[in-house]
PDB file of all heavy atoms in Angstrom:
ATOM      1  N   ALA A   1       0.831  -1.208   0.000  1.00  0.00           N
ATOM      2  CA  ALA A   1       0.000   0.000   0.000  1.00  0.00           C
ATOM      3  C   ALA A   1       0.864   1.257   0.000  1.00  0.00           C
ATOM      4  O   ALA A   1       0.576   2.228  -0.715  1.00  0.00           O
ATOM      5  CB  ALA A   1      -0.931  -0.009   1.211  1.00  0.00           C
ATOM      6  N   ILE A   2       1.941   1.258   0.800  1.00  0.00           N
ATOM      7  CA  ILE A   2       2.842   2.413   0.823  1.00  0.00           C
ATOM      8  C   ILE A   2       3.525   2.597  -0.531  1.00  0.00           C
ATOM      9  O   ILE A   2       3.689   3.717  -1.031  1.00  0.00           O
ATOM     10  CB  ILE A   2       3.877   2.254   1.950  1.00  0.00           C
ATOM     11  CG1 ILE A   2       3.182   2.283   3.323  1.00  0.00           C
ATOM     12  CG2 ILE A   2       4.944   3.338   1.871  1.00  0.00           C
ATOM     13  CD1 ILE A   2       4.100   2.007   4.479  1.00  0.00           C
ATOM     14  N   THR A   3       3.913   1.483  -1.166  1.00  0.00           N
ATOM     15  CA  THR A   3       4.525   1.566  -2.493  1.00  0.00           C
ATOM     16  C   THR A   3       3.556   2.124  -3.521  1.00  0.00           C
ATOM     17  O   THR A   3       3.922   2.963  -4.356  1.00  0.00           O
ATOM     18  CB  THR A   3       5.008   0.176  -2.921  1.00  0.00           C
ATOM     19  OG1 THR A   3       5.908  -0.355  -1.932  1.00  0.00           O
ATOM     20  CG2 THR A   3       5.726   0.247  -4.252  1.00  0.00           C
ATOM     21  N   ALA A   4       2.298   1.674  -3.453  1.00  0.00           N
ATOM     22  CA  ALA A   4       1.289   2.181  -4.390  1.00  0.00           C
ATOM     23  C   ALA A   4       1.043   3.676  -4.198  1.00  0.00           C
ATOM     24  O   ALA A   4       0.878   4.426  -5.171  1.00  0.00           O
ATOM     25  CB  ALA A   4      -0.008   1.399  -4.227  1.00  0.00           C
ATOM     26  N   LEU A   5       1.026   4.131  -2.947  1.00  0.00           N
ATOM     27  CA  LEU A   5       0.826   5.553  -2.688  1.00  0.00           C
ATOM     28  C   LEU A   5       1.998   6.389  -3.196  1.00  0.00           C
ATOM     29  O   LEU A   5       1.811   7.534  -3.626  1.00  0.00           O
ATOM     30  CB  LEU A   5       0.609   5.794  -1.196  1.00  0.00           C
ATOM     31  CG  LEU A   5      -0.716   5.286  -0.612  1.00  0.00           C
ATOM     32  CD1 LEU A   5      -0.739   5.513   0.895  1.00  0.00           C
ATOM     33  CD2 LEU A   5      -1.905   5.974  -1.272  1.00  0.00           C
ATOM     34  N   SER A   6       3.200   5.841  -3.116  1.00  0.00           N
ATOM     35  CA  SER A   6       4.375   6.601  -3.567  1.00  0.00           C
ATOM     36  C   SER A   6       4.400   6.782  -5.084  1.00  0.00           C
ATOM     37  O   SER A   6       4.902   7.799  -5.577  1.00  0.00           O
ATOM     38  CB  SER A   6       5.654   5.911  -3.093  1.00  0.00           C
ATOM     39  OG  SER A   6       5.756   4.609  -3.668  1.00  0.00           O
ATOM     40  N   VAL A   7       3.876   5.809  -5.832  1.00  0.00           N
ATOM     41  CA  VAL A   7       3.865   5.916  -7.300  1.00  0.00           C
ATOM     42  C   VAL A   7       2.502   6.345  -7.829  1.00  0.00           C
ATOM     43  O   VAL A   7       2.306   6.403  -9.046  1.00  0.00           O
ATOM     44  CB  VAL A   7       4.274   4.572  -7.944  1.00  0.00           C
ATOM     45  CG1 VAL A   7       5.669   4.173  -7.516  1.00  0.00           C
ATOM     46  CG2 VAL A   7       3.286   3.470  -7.584  1.00  0.00           C
ATOM     47  N   ALA A   8       1.556   6.647  -6.942  1.00  0.00           N
ATOM     48  CA  ALA A   8       0.210   7.027  -7.379  1.00  0.00           C
ATOM     49  C   ALA A   8       0.206   8.284  -8.248  1.00  0.00           C
ATOM     50  O   ALA A   8      -0.526   8.329  -9.249  1.00  0.00           O
ATOM     51  CB  ALA A   8      -0.700   7.196  -6.161  1.00  0.00           C
ATOM     52  N   PRO A   9       0.967   9.358  -7.925  1.00  0.00           N
ATOM     53  CA  PRO A   9       0.952  10.529  -8.813  1.00  0.00           C
ATOM     54  C   PRO A   9       1.396  10.218 -10.241  1.00  0.00           C
ATOM     55  O   PRO A   9       0.789  10.708 -11.205  1.00  0.00           O
ATOM     56  CB  PRO A   9       1.917  11.502  -8.122  1.00  0.00           C
ATOM     57  CG  PRO A   9       1.896  11.107  -6.687  1.00  0.00           C
ATOM     58  CD  PRO A   9       1.748   9.621  -6.696  1.00  0.00           C
ATOM     59  N   ALA A  10       2.439   9.400 -10.386  1.00  0.00           N
ATOM     60  CA  ALA A  10       2.900   9.050 -11.735  1.00  0.00           C
ATOM     61  C   ALA A  10       1.855   8.222 -12.473  1.00  0.00           C
ATOM     62  O   ALA A  10       1.596   8.435 -13.668  1.00  0.00           O
ATOM     63  CB  ALA A  10       4.220   8.293 -11.647  1.00  0.00           C
ATOM     64  N   LEU A  11       1.243   7.264 -11.766  1.00  0.00           N
ATOM     65  CA  LEU A  11       0.193   6.460 -12.404  1.00  0.00           C
ATOM     66  C   LEU A  11      -1.007   7.317 -12.783  1.00  0.00           C
ATOM     67  O   LEU A  11      -1.627   7.107 -13.834  1.00  0.00           O
ATOM     68  CB  LEU A  11      -0.239   5.335 -11.451  1.00  0.00           C
ATOM     69  CG  LEU A  11       0.824   4.283 -11.110  1.00  0.00           C
ATOM     70  CD1 LEU A  11       0.275   3.271 -10.118  1.00  0.00           C
ATOM     71  CD2 LEU A  11       1.322   3.581 -12.367  1.00  0.00           C
ATOM     72  N   LEU A  12      -1.355   8.279 -11.939  1.00  0.00           N
ATOM     73  CA  LEU A  12      -2.496   9.144 -12.227  1.00  0.00           C
ATOM     74  C   LEU A  12      -2.249   9.999 -13.460  1.00  0.00           C
ATOM     75  O   LEU A  12      -3.153  10.216 -14.286  1.00  0.00           O
ATOM     76  CB  LEU A  12      -2.786  10.024 -11.014  1.00  0.00           C
ATOM     77  CG  LEU A  12      -3.943  11.027 -11.137  1.00  0.00           C
ATOM     78  CD1 LEU A  12      -5.265  10.292 -11.280  1.00  0.00           C
ATOM     79  CD2 LEU A  12      -3.973  11.952  -9.930  1.00  0.00           C
ATOM     80  N   LEU A  13      -1.035  10.491 -13.626  1.00  0.00           N
ATOM     81  CA  LEU A  13      -0.727  11.376 -14.743  1.00  0.00           C
ATOM     82  C   LEU A  13      -0.531  10.628 -16.053  1.00  0.00           C
ATOM     83  O   LEU A  13      -0.880  11.129 -17.117  1.00  0.00           O
ATOM     84  CB  LEU A  13       0.525  12.201 -14.428  1.00  0.00           C
ATOM     85  CG  LEU A  13       0.408  13.241 -13.316  1.00  0.00           C
ATOM     86  CD1 LEU A  13       1.760  13.869 -13.036  1.00  0.00           C
ATOM     87  CD2 LEU A  13      -0.610  14.303 -13.672  1.00  0.00           C
ATOM     88  N   LEU A  14       0.040   9.430 -16.001  1.00  0.00           N
ATOM     89  CA  LEU A  14       0.497   8.750 -17.215  1.00  0.00           C
ATOM     90  C   LEU A  14      -0.405   7.621 -17.687  1.00  0.00           C
ATOM     91  O   LEU A  14      -0.274   7.199 -18.841  1.00  0.00           O
ATOM     92  CB  LEU A  14       1.918   8.210 -17.004  1.00  0.00           C
ATOM     93  CG  LEU A  14       2.977   9.246 -16.630  1.00  0.00           C
ATOM     94  CD1 LEU A  14       4.321   8.579 -16.441  1.00  0.00           C
ATOM     95  CD2 LEU A  14       3.062  10.333 -17.685  1.00  0.00           C
ATOM     96  N   THR A  15      -1.280   7.106 -16.861  1.00  0.00           N
ATOM     97  CA  THR A  15      -2.080   5.946 -17.265  1.00  0.00           C
ATOM     98  C   THR A  15      -3.584   6.194 -17.152  1.00  0.00           C
ATOM     99  O   THR A  15      -4.353   5.245 -17.332  1.00  0.00           O
ATOM    100  CB  THR A  15      -1.713   4.718 -16.412  1.00  0.00           C
ATOM    101  OG1 THR A  15      -1.983   4.998 -15.025  1.00  0.00           O
ATOM    102  CG2 THR A  15      -0.250   4.354 -16.560  1.00  0.00           C
ATOM    103  N   THR A  16      -4.003   7.406 -16.849  1.00  0.00           N
ATOM    104  CA  THR A  16      -5.425   7.719 -16.729  1.00  0.00           C
ATOM    105  C   THR A  16      -5.747   8.928 -17.609  1.00  0.00           C
ATOM    106  O   THR A  16      -4.889   9.464 -18.315  1.00  0.00           O
ATOM    107  CB  THR A  16      -5.813   8.010 -15.268  1.00  0.00           C
ATOM    108  OG1 THR A  16      -5.145   9.190 -14.827  1.00  0.00           O
ATOM    109  CG2 THR A  16      -5.432   6.849 -14.359  1.00  0.00           C
ATOM    110  N   SER A  17      -7.006   9.353 -17.529  1.00  0.00           N
ATOM    111  CA  SER A  17      -7.470  10.493 -18.320  1.00  0.00           C
ATOM    112  C   SER A  17      -7.204  11.836 -17.649  1.00  0.00           C
ATOM    113  O   SER A  17      -7.679  12.867 -18.144  1.00  0.00           O
ATOM    114  CB  SER A  17      -8.972  10.340 -18.568  1.00  0.00           C
ATOM    115  OG  SER A  17      -9.684  10.281 -17.338  1.00  0.00           O
ATOM    116  N   PHE A  18      -6.470  11.864 -16.558  1.00  0.00           N
ATOM    117  CA  PHE A  18      -6.268  13.104 -15.807  1.00  0.00           C
ATOM    118  C   PHE A  18      -5.543  14.151 -16.641  1.00  0.00           C
ATOM    119  O   PHE A  18      -5.909  15.338 -16.624  1.00  0.00           O
ATOM    120  CB  PHE A  18      -5.489  12.803 -14.523  1.00  0.00           C
ATOM    121  CG  PHE A  18      -5.214  14.014 -13.683  1.00  0.00           C
ATOM    122  CD1 PHE A  18      -6.167  14.480 -12.786  1.00  0.00           C
ATOM    123  CD2 PHE A  18      -4.013  14.689 -13.772  1.00  0.00           C
ATOM    124  CE1 PHE A  18      -5.927  15.609 -12.013  1.00  0.00           C
ATOM    125  CE2 PHE A  18      -3.761  15.807 -12.996  1.00  0.00           C
ATOM    126  CZ  PHE A  18      -4.726  16.272 -12.117  1.00  0.00           C
ATOM    127  N   THR A  19      -4.520  13.763 -17.366  1.00  0.00           N
ATOM    128  CA  THR A  19      -3.715  14.726 -18.123  1.00  0.00           C
ATOM    129  C   THR A  19      -4.559  15.442 -19.173  1.00  0.00           C
ATOM    130  O   THR A  19      -4.511  16.678 -19.299  1.00  0.00           O
ATOM    131  CB  THR A  19      -2.539  14.007 -18.790  1.00  0.00           C
ATOM    132  OG1 THR A  19      -1.723  13.401 -17.781  1.00  0.00           O
ATOM    133  CG2 THR A  19      -1.694  14.979 -19.592  1.00  0.00           C
ATOM    134  N   LYS A  20      -5.333  14.692 -19.917  1.00  0.00           N
ATOM    135  CA  LYS A  20      -6.164  15.301 -20.972  1.00  0.00           C
ATOM    136  C   LYS A  20      -7.193  16.262 -20.383  1.00  0.00           C
ATOM    137  O   LYS A  20      -7.363  17.390 -20.869  1.00  0.00           O
ATOM    138  CB  LYS A  20      -6.849  14.193 -21.770  1.00  0.00           C
ATOM    139  CG  LYS A  20      -7.795  14.688 -22.836  1.00  0.00           C
ATOM    140  CD  LYS A  20      -8.425  13.513 -23.554  1.00  0.00           C
ATOM    141  CE  LYS A  20      -9.441  13.976 -24.583  1.00  0.00           C
ATOM    142  NZ  LYS A  20     -10.062  12.833 -25.283  1.00  0.00           N
ATOM    143  N   ILE A  21      -7.861  15.848 -19.316  1.00  0.00           N
ATOM    144  CA  ILE A  21      -8.905  16.688 -18.722  1.00  0.00           C
ATOM    145  C   ILE A  21      -8.304  17.972 -18.151  1.00  0.00           C
ATOM    146  O   ILE A  21      -8.841  19.071 -18.346  1.00  0.00           O
ATOM    147  CB  ILE A  21      -9.653  15.893 -17.645  1.00  0.00           C
ATOM    148  CG1 ILE A  21     -10.389  14.721 -18.267  1.00  0.00           C
ATOM    149  CG2 ILE A  21     -10.623  16.780 -16.888  1.00  0.00           C
ATOM    150  CD1 ILE A  21     -11.058  13.797 -17.261  1.00  0.00           C
ATOM    151  N   PHE A  22      -7.189  17.849 -17.462  1.00  0.00           N
ATOM    152  CA  PHE A  22      -6.580  19.036 -16.847  1.00  0.00           C
ATOM    153  C   PHE A  22      -6.073  20.013 -17.903  1.00  0.00           C
ATOM    154  O   PHE A  22      -6.212  21.244 -17.749  1.00  0.00           O
ATOM    155  CB  PHE A  22      -5.436  18.602 -15.927  1.00  0.00           C
ATOM    156  CG  PHE A  22      -4.832  19.725 -15.139  1.00  0.00           C
ATOM    157  CD1 PHE A  22      -5.497  20.264 -14.051  1.00  0.00           C
ATOM    158  CD2 PHE A  22      -3.609  20.262 -15.496  1.00  0.00           C
ATOM    159  CE1 PHE A  22      -4.949  21.307 -13.319  1.00  0.00           C
ATOM    160  CE2 PHE A  22      -3.050  21.299 -14.779  1.00  0.00           C
ATOM    161  CZ  PHE A  22      -3.722  21.822 -13.692  1.00  0.00           C
ATOM    162  N   VAL A  23      -5.492  19.510 -18.988  1.00  0.00           N
ATOM    163  CA  VAL A  23      -4.998  20.398 -20.046  1.00  0.00           C
ATOM    164  C   VAL A  23      -6.147  21.131 -20.719  1.00  0.00           C
ATOM    165  O   VAL A  23      -6.062  22.344 -21.008  1.00  0.00           O
ATOM    166  CB  VAL A  23      -4.178  19.579 -21.064  1.00  0.00           C
ATOM    167  CG1 VAL A  23      -3.860  20.419 -22.294  1.00  0.00           C
ATOM    168  CG2 VAL A  23      -2.886  19.093 -20.434  1.00  0.00           C
ATOM    169  N   VAL A  24      -7.256  20.437 -20.976  1.00  0.00           N
ATOM    170  CA  VAL A  24      -8.409  21.086 -21.622  1.00  0.00           C
ATOM    171  C   VAL A  24      -8.992  22.172 -20.719  1.00  0.00           C
ATOM    172  O   VAL A  24      -9.324  23.275 -21.179  1.00  0.00           O
ATOM    173  CB  VAL A  24      -9.469  20.031 -21.984  1.00  0.00           C
ATOM    174  CG1 VAL A  24     -10.761  20.698 -22.431  1.00  0.00           C
ATOM    175  CG2 VAL A  24      -8.947  19.125 -23.080  1.00  0.00           C
ATOM    176  N   LEU A  25      -9.104  21.898 -19.431  1.00  0.00           N
ATOM    177  CA  LEU A  25      -9.626  22.911 -18.515  1.00  0.00           C
ATOM    178  C   LEU A  25      -8.694  24.120 -18.437  1.00  0.00           C
ATOM    179  O   LEU A  25      -9.150  25.272 -18.359  1.00  0.00           O
ATOM    180  CB  LEU A  25      -9.819  22.300 -17.121  1.00  0.00           C
ATOM    181  CG  LEU A  25     -10.885  21.197 -17.008  1.00  0.00           C
ATOM    182  CD1 LEU A  25     -10.941  20.663 -15.582  1.00  0.00           C
ATOM    183  CD2 LEU A  25     -12.239  21.706 -17.442  1.00  0.00           C
ATOM    184  N   GLY A  26      -7.385  23.876 -18.455  1.00  0.00           N
ATOM    185  CA  GLY A  26      -6.440  24.990 -18.435  1.00  0.00           C
ATOM    186  C   GLY A  26      -6.503  25.826 -19.705  1.00  0.00           C
ATOM    187  O   GLY A  26      -6.422  27.066 -19.659  1.00  0.00           O
ATOM    188  N   LEU A  27      -6.661  25.184 -20.880  1.00  0.00           N
ATOM    189  CA  LEU A  27      -6.782  25.927 -22.131  1.00  0.00           C
ATOM    190  C   LEU A  27      -8.084  26.732 -22.176  1.00  0.00           C
ATOM    191  O   LEU A  27      -8.113  27.846 -22.729  1.00  0.00           O
ATOM    192  CB  LEU A  27      -6.722  24.952 -23.314  1.00  0.00           C
ATOM    193  CG  LEU A  27      -5.356  24.302 -23.573  1.00  0.00           C
ATOM    194  CD1 LEU A  27      -5.462  23.283 -24.696  1.00  0.00           C
ATOM    195  CD2 LEU A  27      -4.301  25.347 -23.888  1.00  0.00           C
ATOM    196  N   THR A  28      -9.140  26.197 -21.600  1.00  0.00           N
ATOM    197  CA  THR A  28     -10.402  26.936 -21.549  1.00  0.00           C
ATOM    198  C   THR A  28     -10.253  28.205 -20.711  1.00  0.00           C
ATOM    199  O   THR A  28     -10.764  29.279 -21.073  1.00  0.00           O
ATOM    200  CB  THR A  28     -11.503  26.037 -20.970  1.00  0.00           C
ATOM    201  OG1 THR A  28     -11.616  24.862 -21.770  1.00  0.00           O
ATOM    202  CG2 THR A  28     -12.834  26.760 -20.933  1.00  0.00           C
ATOM    203  N   ARG A  29      -9.552  28.101 -19.592  1.00  0.00           N
ATOM    204  CA  ARG A  29      -9.327  29.280 -18.764  1.00  0.00           C
ATOM    205  C   ARG A  29      -8.508  30.335 -19.519  1.00  0.00           C
ATOM    206  O   ARG A  29      -8.799  31.540 -19.445  1.00  0.00           O
ATOM    207  CB  ARG A  29      -8.618  28.879 -17.467  1.00  0.00           C
ATOM    208  CG  ARG A  29      -8.393  30.023 -16.513  1.00  0.00           C
ATOM    209  CD  ARG A  29      -7.655  29.549 -15.272  1.00  0.00           C
ATOM    210  NE  ARG A  29      -6.321  29.042 -15.592  1.00  0.00           N
ATOM    211  CZ  ARG A  29      -5.465  28.556 -14.683  1.00  0.00           C
ATOM    212  NH1 ARG A  29      -5.820  28.512 -13.404  1.00  0.00           N
ATOM    213  NH2 ARG A  29      -4.284  28.122 -15.045  1.00  0.00           N
ATOM    214  N   ASN A  30      -7.493  29.888 -20.271  1.00  0.00           N
ATOM    215  CA  ASN A  30      -6.685  30.842 -21.033  1.00  0.00           C
ATOM    216  C   ASN A  30      -7.475  31.457 -22.188  1.00  0.00           C
ATOM    217  O   ASN A  30      -7.260  32.622 -22.550  1.00  0.00           O
ATOM    218  CB  ASN A  30      -5.437  30.150 -21.570  1.00  0.00           C
ATOM    219  CG  ASN A  30      -4.488  29.744 -20.466  1.00  0.00           C
ATOM    220  OD1 ASN A  30      -4.484  30.338 -19.386  1.00  0.00           O
ATOM    221  ND2 ASN A  30      -3.681  28.719 -20.716  1.00  0.00           N
TER     222      ASN A  30
END
């Protein structure tokens, strides 16, 4: 569990839809 928590940010950014959603929201604000 501790190992999973330590690599959770990298997994969230690189293997999920988080990057696409965050970039689109940032471009909308700009």
